Amino acid sequence: MIDEAIRLSNNNRLDHARWLQGKAEENSNDWGSFRLILIAKAFHWMDRGVSS
């Protein structure tokens, strides 16, 4: 999906986006700040504060 995002960005001349893949636990300070973060299949593994 990263390759597809890059391809679409190039096709649409979107030059102000950076596509990264990694784990939050491995976040490095050199990644900088983010205005938008997307996740996919990881959502169902997150603790969403839902109580039974």
PDB file of N, CA and C in Angstrom:
ATOM      1  N   MET A   1       0.810  -1.186   0.000  1.00  0.00           N
ATOM      2  CA  MET A   1       0.000   0.000   0.000  1.00  0.00           C
ATOM      3  C   MET A   1       0.864   1.266   0.000  1.00  0.00           C
ATOM      4  N   ILE A   2       2.025   1.176   0.615  1.00  0.00           N
ATOM      5  CA  ILE A   2       2.931   2.331   0.583  1.00  0.00           C
ATOM      6  C   ILE A   2       3.331   2.640  -0.856  1.00  0.00           C
ATOM      7  N   ASP A   3       3.658   1.607  -1.619  1.00  0.00           N
ATOM      8  CA  ASP A   3       4.022   1.813  -3.025  1.00  0.00           C
ATOM      9  C   ASP A   3       2.878   2.453  -3.804  1.00  0.00           C
ATOM     10  N   GLU A   4       1.658   2.029  -3.553  1.00  0.00           N
ATOM     11  CA  GLU A   4       0.494   2.598  -4.227  1.00  0.00           C
ATOM     12  C   GLU A   4       0.281   4.058  -3.810  1.00  0.00           C
ATOM     13  N   ALA A   5       0.470   4.356  -2.549  1.00  0.00           N
ATOM     14  CA  ALA A   5       0.348   5.741  -2.080  1.00  0.00           C
ATOM     15  C   ALA A   5       1.385   6.633  -2.750  1.00  0.00           C
ATOM     16  N   ILE A   6       2.591   6.142  -2.860  1.00  0.00           N
ATOM     17  CA  ILE A   6       3.653   6.898  -3.523  1.00  0.00           C
ATOM     18  C   ILE A   6       3.312   7.109  -4.993  1.00  0.00           C
ATOM     19  N   ARG A   7       2.845   6.061  -5.650  1.00  0.00           N
ATOM     20  CA  ARG A   7       2.477   6.157  -7.055  1.00  0.00           C
ATOM     21  C   ARG A   7       1.375   7.202  -7.258  1.00  0.00           C
ATOM     22  N   LEU A   8       0.326   7.125  -6.443  1.00  0.00           N
ATOM     23  CA  LEU A   8      -0.777   8.080  -6.568  1.00  0.00           C
ATOM     24  C   LEU A   8      -0.325   9.503  -6.244  1.00  0.00           C
ATOM     25  N   SER A   9       0.541   9.645  -5.265  1.00  0.00           N
ATOM     26  CA  SER A   9       1.074  10.969  -4.927  1.00  0.00           C
ATOM     27  C   SER A   9       1.837  11.558  -6.109  1.00  0.00           C
ATOM     28  N   ASN A  10       2.653  10.731  -6.721  1.00  0.00           N
ATOM     29  CA  ASN A  10       3.417  11.198  -7.880  1.00  0.00           C
ATOM     30  C   ASN A  10       2.499  11.543  -9.042  1.00  0.00           C
ATOM     31  N   ASN A  11       1.517  10.705  -9.302  1.00  0.00           N
ATOM     32  CA  ASN A  11       0.574  10.953 -10.405  1.00  0.00           C
ATOM     33  C   ASN A  11      -0.216  12.241 -10.201  1.00  0.00           C
ATOM     34  N   ASN A  12      -0.516  12.565  -8.948  1.00  0.00           N
ATOM     35  CA  ASN A  12      -1.316  13.748  -8.631  1.00  0.00           C
ATOM     36  C   ASN A  12      -0.473  14.938  -8.183  1.00  0.00           C
ATOM     37  N   ARG A  13       0.840  14.817  -8.359  1.00  0.00           N
ATOM     38  CA  ARG A  13       1.784  15.892  -8.014  1.00  0.00           C
ATOM     39  C   ARG A  13       1.641  16.354  -6.558  1.00  0.00           C
ATOM     40  N   LEU A  14       1.415  15.397  -5.685  1.00  0.00           N
ATOM     41  CA  LEU A  14       1.327  15.684  -4.246  1.00  0.00           C
ATOM     42  C   LEU A  14       2.740  15.569  -3.680  1.00  0.00           C
ATOM     43  N   ASP A  15       3.397  16.700  -3.524  1.00  0.00           N
ATOM     44  CA  ASP A  15       4.803  16.661  -3.114  1.00  0.00           C
ATOM     45  C   ASP A  15       5.031  17.055  -1.660  1.00  0.00           C
ATOM     46  N   HIS A  16       3.972  17.244  -0.897  1.00  0.00           N
ATOM     47  CA  HIS A  16       4.137  17.647   0.503  1.00  0.00           C
ATOM     48  C   HIS A  16       3.710  16.541   1.470  1.00  0.00           C
ATOM     49  N   ALA A  17       3.736  15.296   0.999  1.00  0.00           N
ATOM     50  CA  ALA A  17       3.418  14.150   1.865  1.00  0.00           C
ATOM     51  C   ALA A  17       4.621  13.219   1.919  1.00  0.00           C
ATOM     52  N   ARG A  18       4.771  12.598   3.066  1.00  0.00           N
ATOM     53  CA  ARG A  18       5.850  11.627   3.250  1.00  0.00           C
ATOM     54  C   ARG A  18       5.205  10.346   3.741  1.00  0.00           C
ATOM     55  N   TRP A  19       5.530   9.235   3.146  1.00  0.00           N
ATOM     56  CA  TRP A  19       4.918   7.951   3.480  1.00  0.00           C
ATOM     57  C   TRP A  19       5.915   7.116   4.266  1.00  0.00           C
ATOM     58  N   LEU A  20       5.540   6.744   5.479  1.00  0.00           N
ATOM     59  CA  LEU A  20       6.392   5.953   6.357  1.00  0.00           C
ATOM     60  C   LEU A  20       5.638   4.721   6.820  1.00  0.00           C
ATOM     61  N   GLN A  21       6.369   3.689   7.119  1.00  0.00           N
ATOM     62  CA  GLN A  21       5.784   2.487   7.687  1.00  0.00           C
ATOM     63  C   GLN A  21       6.613   2.096   8.895  1.00  0.00           C
ATOM     64  N   GLY A  22       5.943   1.792   9.994  1.00  0.00           N
ATOM     65  CA  GLY A  22       6.669   1.392  11.182  1.00  0.00           C
ATOM     66  C   GLY A  22       5.744   1.224  12.360  1.00  0.00           C
ATOM     67  N   LYS A  23       6.311   0.805  13.449  1.00  0.00           N
ATOM     68  CA  LYS A  23       5.551   0.603  14.682  1.00  0.00           C
ATOM     69  C   LYS A  23       5.711   1.819  15.583  1.00  0.00           C
ATOM     70  N   ALA A  24       4.654   2.180  16.289  1.00  0.00           N
ATOM     71  CA  ALA A  24       4.722   3.316  17.202  1.00  0.00           C
ATOM     72  C   ALA A  24       5.799   3.102  18.255  1.00  0.00           C
ATOM     73  N   GLU A  25       5.969   1.862  18.672  1.00  0.00           N
ATOM     74  CA  GLU A  25       6.969   1.551  19.695  1.00  0.00           C
ATOM     75  C   GLU A  25       8.384   1.820  19.200  1.00  0.00           C
ATOM     76  N   GLU A  26       8.563   1.819  17.887  1.00  0.00           N
ATOM     77  CA  GLU A  26       9.885   2.048  17.310  1.00  0.00           C
ATOM     78  C   GLU A  26      10.025   3.477  16.793  1.00  0.00           C
ATOM     79  N   ASN A  27       9.106   4.342  17.164  1.00  0.00           N
ATOM     80  CA  ASN A  27       9.125   5.725  16.701  1.00  0.00           C
ATOM     81  C   ASN A  27      10.436   6.385  17.088  1.00  0.00           C
ATOM     82  N   SER A  28      11.017   7.028  16.134  1.00  0.00           N
ATOM     83  CA  SER A  28      12.279   7.710  16.348  1.00  0.00           C
ATOM     84  C   SER A  28      12.037   9.216  16.292  1.00  0.00           C
ATOM     85  N   ASN A  29      12.744   9.965  17.098  1.00  0.00           N
ATOM     86  CA  ASN A  29      12.581  11.417  17.103  1.00  0.00           C
ATOM     87  C   ASN A  29      12.907  12.052  15.764  1.00  0.00           C
ATOM     88  N   ASP A  30      13.694  11.378  14.938  1.00  0.00           N
ATOM     89  CA  ASP A  30      14.040  11.968  13.642  1.00  0.00           C
ATOM     90  C   ASP A  30      12.899  11.852  12.627  1.00  0.00           C
ATOM     91  N   TRP A  31      11.771  11.260  13.016  1.00  0.00           N
ATOM     92  CA  TRP A  31      10.601  11.218  12.138  1.00  0.00           C
ATOM     93  C   TRP A  31       9.930  12.582  12.071  1.00  0.00           C
ATOM     94  N   GLY A  32      10.164  13.441  13.040  1.00  0.00           N
ATOM     95  CA  GLY A  32       9.552  14.760  13.051  1.00  0.00           C
ATOM     96  C   GLY A  32       8.136  14.716  13.591  1.00  0.00           C
ATOM     97  N   SER A  33       7.356  15.758  13.284  1.00  0.00           N
ATOM     98  CA  SER A  33       5.978  15.820  13.760  1.00  0.00           C
ATOM     99  C   SER A  33       5.024  15.397  12.643  1.00  0.00           C
ATOM    100  N   PHE A  34       3.789  15.087  13.030  1.00  0.00           N
ATOM    101  CA  PHE A  34       2.797  14.595  12.080  1.00  0.00           C
ATOM    102  C   PHE A  34       1.537  15.438  12.146  1.00  0.00           C
ATOM    103  N   ARG A  35       0.922  15.659  11.015  1.00  0.00           N
ATOM    104  CA  ARG A  35      -0.385  16.304  10.948  1.00  0.00           C
ATOM    105  C   ARG A  35      -1.471  15.259  10.713  1.00  0.00           C
ATOM    106  N   LEU A  36      -1.103  14.109  10.192  1.00  0.00           N
ATOM    107  CA  LEU A  36      -2.067  13.052   9.896  1.00  0.00           C
ATOM    108  C   LEU A  36      -1.380  11.704  10.004  1.00  0.00           C
ATOM    109  N   ILE A  37      -2.057  10.769  10.643  1.00  0.00           N
ATOM    110  CA  ILE A  37      -1.563   9.397  10.746  1.00  0.00           C
ATOM    111  C   ILE A  37      -2.707   8.475  10.356  1.00  0.00           C
ATOM    112  N   LEU A  38      -2.422   7.512   9.504  1.00  0.00           N
ATOM    113  CA  LEU A  38      -3.418   6.531   9.090  1.00  0.00           C
ATOM    114  C   LEU A  38      -2.996   5.153   9.564  1.00  0.00           C
ATOM    115  N   ILE A  39      -3.962   4.387  10.001  1.00  0.00           N
ATOM    116  CA  ILE A  39      -3.702   2.997  10.357  1.00  0.00           C
ATOM    117  C   ILE A  39      -4.708   2.127   9.622  1.00  0.00           C
ATOM    118  N   ALA A  40      -4.386   0.879   9.480  1.00  0.00           N
ATOM    119  CA  ALA A  40      -5.293  -0.021   8.768  1.00  0.00           C
ATOM    120  C   ALA A  40      -5.722  -1.145   9.694  1.00  0.00           C
ATOM    121  N   LYS A  41      -5.200  -2.306   9.489  1.00  0.00           N
ATOM    122  CA  LYS A  41      -5.687  -3.474  10.219  1.00  0.00           C
ATOM    123  C   LYS A  41      -5.316  -3.482  11.697  1.00  0.00           C
ATOM    124  N   ALA A  42      -4.531  -2.547  12.158  1.00  0.00           N
ATOM    125  CA  ALA A  42      -4.107  -2.522  13.559  1.00  0.00           C
ATOM    126  C   ALA A  42      -5.205  -2.074  14.511  1.00  0.00           C
ATOM    127  N   PHE A  43      -6.258  -1.448  14.022  1.00  0.00           N
ATOM    128  CA  PHE A  43      -7.279  -0.859  14.890  1.00  0.00           C
ATOM    129  C   PHE A  43      -7.879  -1.879  15.847  1.00  0.00           C
ATOM    130  N   HIS A  44      -8.130  -3.091  15.397  1.00  0.00           N
ATOM    131  CA  HIS A  44      -8.769  -4.079  16.273  1.00  0.00           C
ATOM    132  C   HIS A  44      -7.827  -4.605  17.354  1.00  0.00           C
ATOM    133  N   TRP A  45      -6.536  -4.300  17.271  1.00  0.00           N
ATOM    134  CA  TRP A  45      -5.600  -4.713  18.320  1.00  0.00           C
ATOM    135  C   TRP A  45      -5.416  -3.639  19.379  1.00  0.00           C
ATOM    136  N   MET A  46      -5.933  -2.461  19.162  1.00  0.00           N
ATOM    137  CA  MET A  46      -5.727  -1.350  20.093  1.00  0.00           C
ATOM    138  C   MET A  46      -6.681  -1.401  21.272  1.00  0.00           C
ATOM    139  N   ASP A  47      -6.222  -0.913  22.402  1.00  0.00           N
ATOM    140  CA  ASP A  47      -7.078  -0.755  23.579  1.00  0.00           C
ATOM    141  C   ASP A  47      -7.867   0.529  23.388  1.00  0.00           C
ATOM    142  N   ARG A  48      -9.137   0.394  23.094  1.00  0.00           N
ATOM    143  CA  ARG A  48      -9.982   1.548  22.805  1.00  0.00           C
ATOM    144  C   ARG A  48     -10.796   1.968  24.017  1.00  0.00           C
ATOM    145  N   GLY A  49     -10.480   1.451  25.191  1.00  0.00           N
ATOM    146  CA  GLY A  49     -11.188   1.844  26.400  1.00  0.00           C
ATOM    147  C   GLY A  49     -12.605   1.302  26.473  1.00  0.00           C
ATOM    148  N   VAL A  50     -12.885   0.271  25.726  1.00  0.00           N
ATOM    149  CA  VAL A  50     -14.220  -0.329  25.725  1.00  0.00           C
ATOM    150  C   VAL A  50     -14.322  -1.272  26.900  1.00  0.00           C
ATOM    151  N   SER A  51     -15.317  -1.077  27.743  1.00  0.00           N
ATOM    152  CA  SER A  51     -15.504  -1.971  28.884  1.00  0.00           C
ATOM    153  C   SER A  51     -16.708  -2.869  28.637  1.00  0.00           C
ATOM    154  N   SER A  52     -16.655  -4.053  29.174  1.00  0.00           N
ATOM    155  CA  SER A  52     -17.758  -5.013  28.986  1.00  0.00           C
ATOM    156  C   SER A  52     -18.783  -4.879  30.089  1.00  0.00           C
TER     157      SER A  52
END
